[in-house]
Amino acid sequence: MPADIVIAQTTIDDEGRAEALARGAVEARLAACAHIDPPLKAVYRWQGAVQAEREWRISYKTTRDRLPALAEWVASAHAYEVPEWIVLPVDGGSEAYLRWVAEETADA
């Protein structure tokens, strides 16, 4: 595998903010690409009450090396007090695609 590729995810309650979080990370070469899923319903407990909100999930394709910088950037750009941040390993895939992710996230 060309690099250690991961998918990092967060959610946000506004489509425009989702696009800004996706675009900003790609422009900064912290992610090769970011997918924004259609709105979904999130049900969660926050500050002692059950909440239900519409959110957009952003999935970043990046390398494990770029992950700390991406996590820091998302935390600083995110509107939530405690944004979702999970990381999923990529155990395989097209070598050409994985190489492209590594190349697009290399330090400029």
N, C-alpha and C. Protein backbone atom coordinates (compact mmCIF):
# COMPACT_ATOMS: atom_id res chain seq x y z
N MET A 1 0.85 -1.18 0.00
CA MET A 1 0.00 0.00 0.00
C MET A 1 0.90 1.24 0.00
N PRO A 2 0.62 2.22 -0.85
CA PRO A 2 1.47 3.39 -0.97
C PRO A 2 1.64 4.19 0.31
N ALA A 3 0.62 4.30 1.13
CA ALA A 3 0.70 5.07 2.38
C ALA A 3 -0.36 4.54 3.32
N ASP A 4 -0.25 4.92 4.57
CA ASP A 4 -1.23 4.52 5.57
C ASP A 4 -2.41 5.49 5.46
N ILE A 5 -3.46 5.08 4.76
CA ILE A 5 -4.62 5.93 4.47
C ILE A 5 -5.69 5.71 5.53
N VAL A 6 -6.35 6.80 5.91
CA VAL A 6 -7.46 6.74 6.86
C VAL A 6 -8.61 7.60 6.35
N ILE A 7 -9.78 7.35 6.91
CA ILE A 7 -10.94 8.20 6.69
C ILE A 7 -11.30 8.80 8.04
N ALA A 8 -11.31 10.12 8.12
CA ALA A 8 -11.68 10.82 9.34
C ALA A 8 -13.03 11.48 9.12
N GLN A 9 -13.89 11.44 10.14
CA GLN A 9 -15.24 11.96 9.98
C GLN A 9 -15.63 12.94 11.08
N THR A 10 -16.43 13.91 10.67
CA THR A 10 -17.08 14.82 11.59
C THR A 10 -18.47 15.12 11.06
N THR A 11 -19.29 15.79 11.85
CA THR A 11 -20.62 16.22 11.42
C THR A 11 -20.80 17.68 11.78
N ILE A 12 -21.74 18.32 11.09
CA ILE A 12 -22.05 19.73 11.36
C ILE A 12 -23.51 19.96 10.99
N ASP A 13 -24.13 20.96 11.58
CA ASP A 13 -25.57 21.19 11.44
C ASP A 13 -25.96 22.16 10.33
N ASP A 14 -25.05 22.44 9.42
CA ASP A 14 -25.34 23.41 8.36
C ASP A 14 -24.61 22.99 7.09
N GLU A 15 -25.31 22.96 5.96
CA GLU A 15 -24.70 22.51 4.71
C GLU A 15 -23.56 23.42 4.27
N GLY A 16 -23.73 24.71 4.41
CA GLY A 16 -22.66 25.65 4.05
C GLY A 16 -21.42 25.47 4.89
N ARG A 17 -21.61 25.24 6.19
CA ARG A 17 -20.45 24.97 7.06
C ARG A 17 -19.79 23.65 6.69
N ALA A 18 -20.60 22.66 6.31
CA ALA A 18 -20.04 21.38 5.88
C ALA A 18 -19.15 21.58 4.66
N GLU A 19 -19.62 22.36 3.70
CA GLU A 19 -18.81 22.61 2.51
C GLU A 19 -17.54 23.38 2.87
N ALA A 20 -17.64 24.34 3.77
CA ALA A 20 -16.45 25.09 4.19
C ALA A 20 -15.44 24.18 4.88
N LEU A 21 -15.91 23.27 5.72
CA LEU A 21 -15.00 22.33 6.39
C LEU A 21 -14.35 21.39 5.38
N ALA A 22 -15.11 20.94 4.39
CA ALA A 22 -14.57 20.05 3.36
C ALA A 22 -13.57 20.79 2.48
N ARG A 23 -13.98 21.92 1.95
CA ARG A 23 -13.15 22.69 1.02
C ARG A 23 -11.87 23.18 1.69
N GLY A 24 -11.99 23.68 2.91
CA GLY A 24 -10.81 24.21 3.61
C GLY A 24 -9.74 23.16 3.82
N ALA A 25 -10.15 21.95 4.19
CA ALA A 25 -9.18 20.88 4.42
C ALA A 25 -8.49 20.46 3.13
N VAL A 26 -9.26 20.40 2.04
CA VAL A 26 -8.67 20.02 0.75
C VAL A 26 -7.74 21.14 0.25
N GLU A 27 -8.17 22.38 0.36
CA GLU A 27 -7.32 23.50 -0.08
C GLU A 27 -6.01 23.53 0.69
N ALA A 28 -6.04 23.18 1.97
CA ALA A 28 -4.83 23.17 2.80
C ALA A 28 -4.02 21.89 2.64
N ARG A 29 -4.46 20.98 1.76
CA ARG A 29 -3.80 19.70 1.50
C ARG A 29 -3.74 18.80 2.74
N LEU A 30 -4.73 19.00 3.63
CA LEU A 30 -4.84 18.14 4.80
C LEU A 30 -5.63 16.88 4.47
N ALA A 31 -6.40 16.94 3.40
CA ALA A 31 -7.16 15.80 2.89
C ALA A 31 -7.11 15.85 1.37
N ALA A 32 -7.08 14.67 0.75
CA ALA A 32 -7.10 14.62 -0.72
C ALA A 32 -8.48 14.95 -1.24
N CYS A 33 -9.50 14.51 -0.50
CA CYS A 33 -10.87 14.82 -0.86
C CYS A 33 -11.73 14.69 0.40
N ALA A 34 -12.91 15.22 0.31
CA ALA A 34 -13.87 15.11 1.42
C ALA A 34 -15.25 14.90 0.82
N HIS A 35 -15.96 13.93 1.32
CA HIS A 35 -17.33 13.68 0.89
C HIS A 35 -18.27 14.27 1.93
N ILE A 36 -19.32 14.90 1.44
CA ILE A 36 -20.37 15.42 2.31
C ILE A 36 -21.62 14.58 2.05
N ASP A 37 -22.03 13.85 3.07
CA ASP A 37 -23.24 13.03 2.95
C ASP A 37 -24.48 13.89 3.04
N PRO A 38 -25.58 13.44 2.42
CA PRO A 38 -26.84 14.17 2.54
C PRO A 38 -27.24 14.29 4.01
N PRO A 39 -28.13 15.20 4.30
CA PRO A 39 -28.52 15.37 5.71
C PRO A 39 -29.00 14.06 6.32
N LEU A 40 -28.66 13.89 7.57
CA LEU A 40 -29.10 12.74 8.33
C LEU A 40 -29.64 13.24 9.66
N LYS A 41 -30.36 12.42 10.35
CA LYS A 41 -30.90 12.78 11.66
C LYS A 41 -29.98 12.22 12.72
N ALA A 42 -29.44 13.08 13.56
CA ALA A 42 -28.60 12.67 14.68
C ALA A 42 -29.41 12.75 15.96
N VAL A 43 -29.42 11.69 16.72
CA VAL A 43 -30.08 11.65 18.03
C VAL A 43 -28.99 11.39 19.05
N TYR A 44 -28.86 12.26 20.02
CA TYR A 44 -27.76 12.16 20.97
C TYR A 44 -28.15 12.84 22.29
N ARG A 45 -27.39 12.53 23.33
CA ARG A 45 -27.58 13.18 24.61
C ARG A 45 -26.55 14.29 24.74
N TRP A 46 -27.01 15.48 25.09
CA TRP A 46 -26.11 16.62 25.26
C TRP A 46 -26.61 17.45 26.43
N GLN A 47 -25.75 17.67 27.38
CA GLN A 47 -26.04 18.47 28.57
C GLN A 47 -27.32 18.00 29.27
N GLY A 48 -27.44 16.67 29.41
CA GLY A 48 -28.52 16.07 30.16
C GLY A 48 -29.84 15.89 29.43
N ALA A 49 -29.90 16.25 28.17
CA ALA A 49 -31.15 16.12 27.42
C ALA A 49 -30.91 15.40 26.10
N VAL A 50 -31.90 14.65 25.66
CA VAL A 50 -31.81 13.99 24.36
C VAL A 50 -32.16 15.01 23.29
N GLN A 51 -31.30 15.11 22.30
CA GLN A 51 -31.46 16.05 21.19
C GLN A 51 -31.67 15.28 19.90
N ALA A 52 -32.32 15.89 18.94
CA ALA A 52 -32.46 15.33 17.59
C ALA A 52 -32.27 16.49 16.62
N GLU A 53 -31.24 16.39 15.81
CA GLU A 53 -30.89 17.47 14.89
C GLU A 53 -30.55 16.91 13.51
N ARG A 54 -30.69 17.74 12.51
CA ARG A 54 -30.26 17.41 11.15
C ARG A 54 -28.79 17.79 11.03
N GLU A 55 -27.98 16.86 10.49
CA GLU A 55 -26.56 17.11 10.33
C GLU A 55 -26.06 16.56 9.00
N TRP A 56 -24.92 17.08 8.56
CA TRP A 56 -24.21 16.60 7.39
C TRP A 56 -22.91 15.97 7.89
N ARG A 57 -22.59 14.78 7.37
CA ARG A 57 -21.34 14.10 7.73
C ARG A 57 -20.29 14.41 6.66
N ILE A 58 -19.10 14.78 7.12
CA ILE A 58 -17.97 15.03 6.23
C ILE A 58 -16.96 13.91 6.46
N SER A 59 -16.57 13.22 5.39
CA SER A 59 -15.58 12.14 5.45
C SER A 59 -14.35 12.59 4.69
N TYR A 60 -13.25 12.71 5.41
CA TYR A 60 -11.98 13.14 4.82
C TYR A 60 -11.12 11.93 4.48
N LYS A 61 -10.54 11.91 3.28
CA LYS A 61 -9.57 10.88 2.92
C LYS A 61 -8.18 11.51 3.06
N THR A 62 -7.37 10.93 3.94
CA THR A 62 -6.06 11.51 4.22
C THR A 62 -5.09 10.41 4.63
N THR A 63 -3.87 10.81 4.96
CA THR A 63 -2.87 9.86 5.44
C THR A 63 -2.76 9.98 6.95
N ARG A 64 -2.28 8.92 7.56
CA ARG A 64 -2.08 8.95 9.01
C ARG A 64 -1.08 10.05 9.40
N ASP A 65 -0.10 10.32 8.53
CA ASP A 65 0.87 11.39 8.81
C ASP A 65 0.21 12.77 8.86
N ARG A 66 -0.79 13.01 8.02
CA ARG A 66 -1.46 14.32 7.97
C ARG A 66 -2.60 14.43 8.97
N LEU A 67 -2.97 13.30 9.58
CA LEU A 67 -4.12 13.27 10.48
C LEU A 67 -4.02 14.25 11.65
N PRO A 68 -2.90 14.36 12.35
CA PRO A 68 -2.85 15.33 13.47
C PRO A 68 -3.12 16.77 13.02
N ALA A 69 -2.56 17.16 11.88
CA ALA A 69 -2.79 18.53 11.38
C ALA A 69 -4.24 18.72 10.96
N LEU A 70 -4.83 17.69 10.34
CA LEU A 70 -6.24 17.77 9.96
C LEU A 70 -7.12 17.87 11.19
N ALA A 71 -6.86 17.06 12.20
CA ALA A 71 -7.65 17.08 13.43
C ALA A 71 -7.57 18.46 14.10
N GLU A 72 -6.39 19.02 14.14
CA GLU A 72 -6.21 20.35 14.74
C GLU A 72 -6.97 21.41 13.94
N TRP A 73 -6.87 21.34 12.62
CA TRP A 73 -7.55 22.31 11.76
C TRP A 73 -9.07 22.21 11.92
N VAL A 74 -9.61 20.98 11.89
CA VAL A 74 -11.06 20.81 12.03
C VAL A 74 -11.52 21.33 13.39
N ALA A 75 -10.79 21.00 14.46
CA ALA A 75 -11.18 21.47 15.80
C ALA A 75 -11.22 23.00 15.86
N SER A 76 -10.27 23.66 15.20
CA SER A 76 -10.25 25.14 15.24
C SER A 76 -11.30 25.77 14.34
N ALA A 77 -11.68 25.08 13.26
CA ALA A 77 -12.65 25.64 12.30
C ALA A 77 -14.09 25.23 12.60
N HIS A 78 -14.27 24.26 13.46
CA HIS A 78 -15.60 23.69 13.72
C HIS A 78 -16.39 24.58 14.68
N ALA A 79 -17.70 24.63 14.48
CA ALA A 79 -18.57 25.46 15.31
C ALA A 79 -19.02 24.77 16.59
N TYR A 80 -18.91 23.45 16.67
CA TYR A 80 -19.40 22.73 17.85
C TYR A 80 -18.40 22.82 19.00
N GLU A 81 -18.93 22.80 20.21
CA GLU A 81 -18.08 22.76 21.40
C GLU A 81 -17.31 21.44 21.47
N VAL A 82 -18.01 20.33 21.14
CA VAL A 82 -17.38 19.01 21.12
C VAL A 82 -17.77 18.33 19.80
N PRO A 83 -17.02 18.62 18.73
CA PRO A 83 -17.37 18.00 17.45
C PRO A 83 -17.05 16.51 17.43
N GLU A 84 -17.86 15.77 16.67
CA GLU A 84 -17.54 14.37 16.42
C GLU A 84 -16.20 14.33 15.70
N TRP A 85 -15.35 13.40 16.08
CA TRP A 85 -14.10 13.16 15.37
C TRP A 85 -13.75 11.70 15.53
N ILE A 86 -13.94 10.94 14.47
CA ILE A 86 -13.57 9.52 14.50
C ILE A 86 -12.68 9.24 13.29
N VAL A 87 -11.85 8.24 13.44
CA VAL A 87 -10.91 7.87 12.39
C VAL A 87 -11.06 6.39 12.10
N LEU A 88 -11.22 6.07 10.81
CA LEU A 88 -11.39 4.70 10.36
C LEU A 88 -10.20 4.30 9.50
N PRO A 89 -9.57 3.17 9.79
CA PRO A 89 -8.46 2.73 8.95
C PRO A 89 -8.97 2.24 7.60
N VAL A 90 -8.15 2.39 6.59
CA VAL A 90 -8.44 1.84 5.26
C VAL A 90 -7.54 0.62 5.11
N ASP A 91 -8.15 -0.56 5.03
CA ASP A 91 -7.40 -1.80 4.99
C ASP A 91 -7.04 -2.27 3.59
N GLY A 92 -7.47 -1.55 2.59
CA GLY A 92 -7.17 -1.94 1.22
C GLY A 92 -7.84 -0.99 0.27
N GLY A 93 -7.69 -1.29 -1.00
CA GLY A 93 -8.31 -0.46 -2.01
C GLY A 93 -7.42 -0.38 -3.24
N SER A 94 -7.84 0.40 -4.18
CA SER A 94 -7.09 0.59 -5.40
C SER A 94 -5.75 1.25 -5.10
N GLU A 95 -4.66 0.62 -5.53
CA GLU A 95 -3.34 1.21 -5.29
C GLU A 95 -3.23 2.59 -5.93
N ALA A 96 -3.81 2.76 -7.10
CA ALA A 96 -3.76 4.06 -7.77
C ALA A 96 -4.49 5.12 -6.94
N TYR A 97 -5.65 4.79 -6.38
CA TYR A 97 -6.40 5.74 -5.56
C TYR A 97 -5.64 6.06 -4.28
N LEU A 98 -5.13 5.05 -3.61
CA LEU A 98 -4.41 5.27 -2.36
C LEU A 98 -3.15 6.09 -2.60
N ARG A 99 -2.48 5.87 -3.71
CA ARG A 99 -1.30 6.67 -4.06
C ARG A 99 -1.71 8.12 -4.29
N TRP A 100 -2.85 8.32 -4.97
CA TRP A 100 -3.35 9.67 -5.23
C TRP A 100 -3.63 10.39 -3.91
N VAL A 101 -4.25 9.72 -2.96
CA VAL A 101 -4.51 10.34 -1.64
C VAL A 101 -3.20 10.76 -1.01
N ALA A 102 -2.20 9.90 -1.03
CA ALA A 102 -0.91 10.23 -0.45
C ALA A 102 -0.26 11.42 -1.16
N GLU A 103 -0.32 11.43 -2.49
CA GLU A 103 0.29 12.53 -3.24
C GLU A 103 -0.42 13.85 -2.98
N GLU A 104 -1.74 13.84 -2.91
CA GLU A 104 -2.51 15.08 -2.72
C GLU A 104 -2.41 15.65 -1.32
N THR A 105 -1.97 14.85 -0.36
CA THR A 105 -1.85 15.34 1.01
C THR A 105 -0.39 15.56 1.41
N ALA A 106 0.53 15.37 0.46
CA ALA A 106 1.94 15.61 0.77
C ALA A 106 2.17 17.09 1.02
N ASP A 107 3.06 17.39 1.95
CA ASP A 107 3.39 18.80 2.23
C ASP A 107 3.84 19.48 0.94
N ALA A 108 3.29 20.65 0.71
CA ALA A 108 3.61 21.40 -0.51
C ALA A 108 4.97 22.06 -0.43
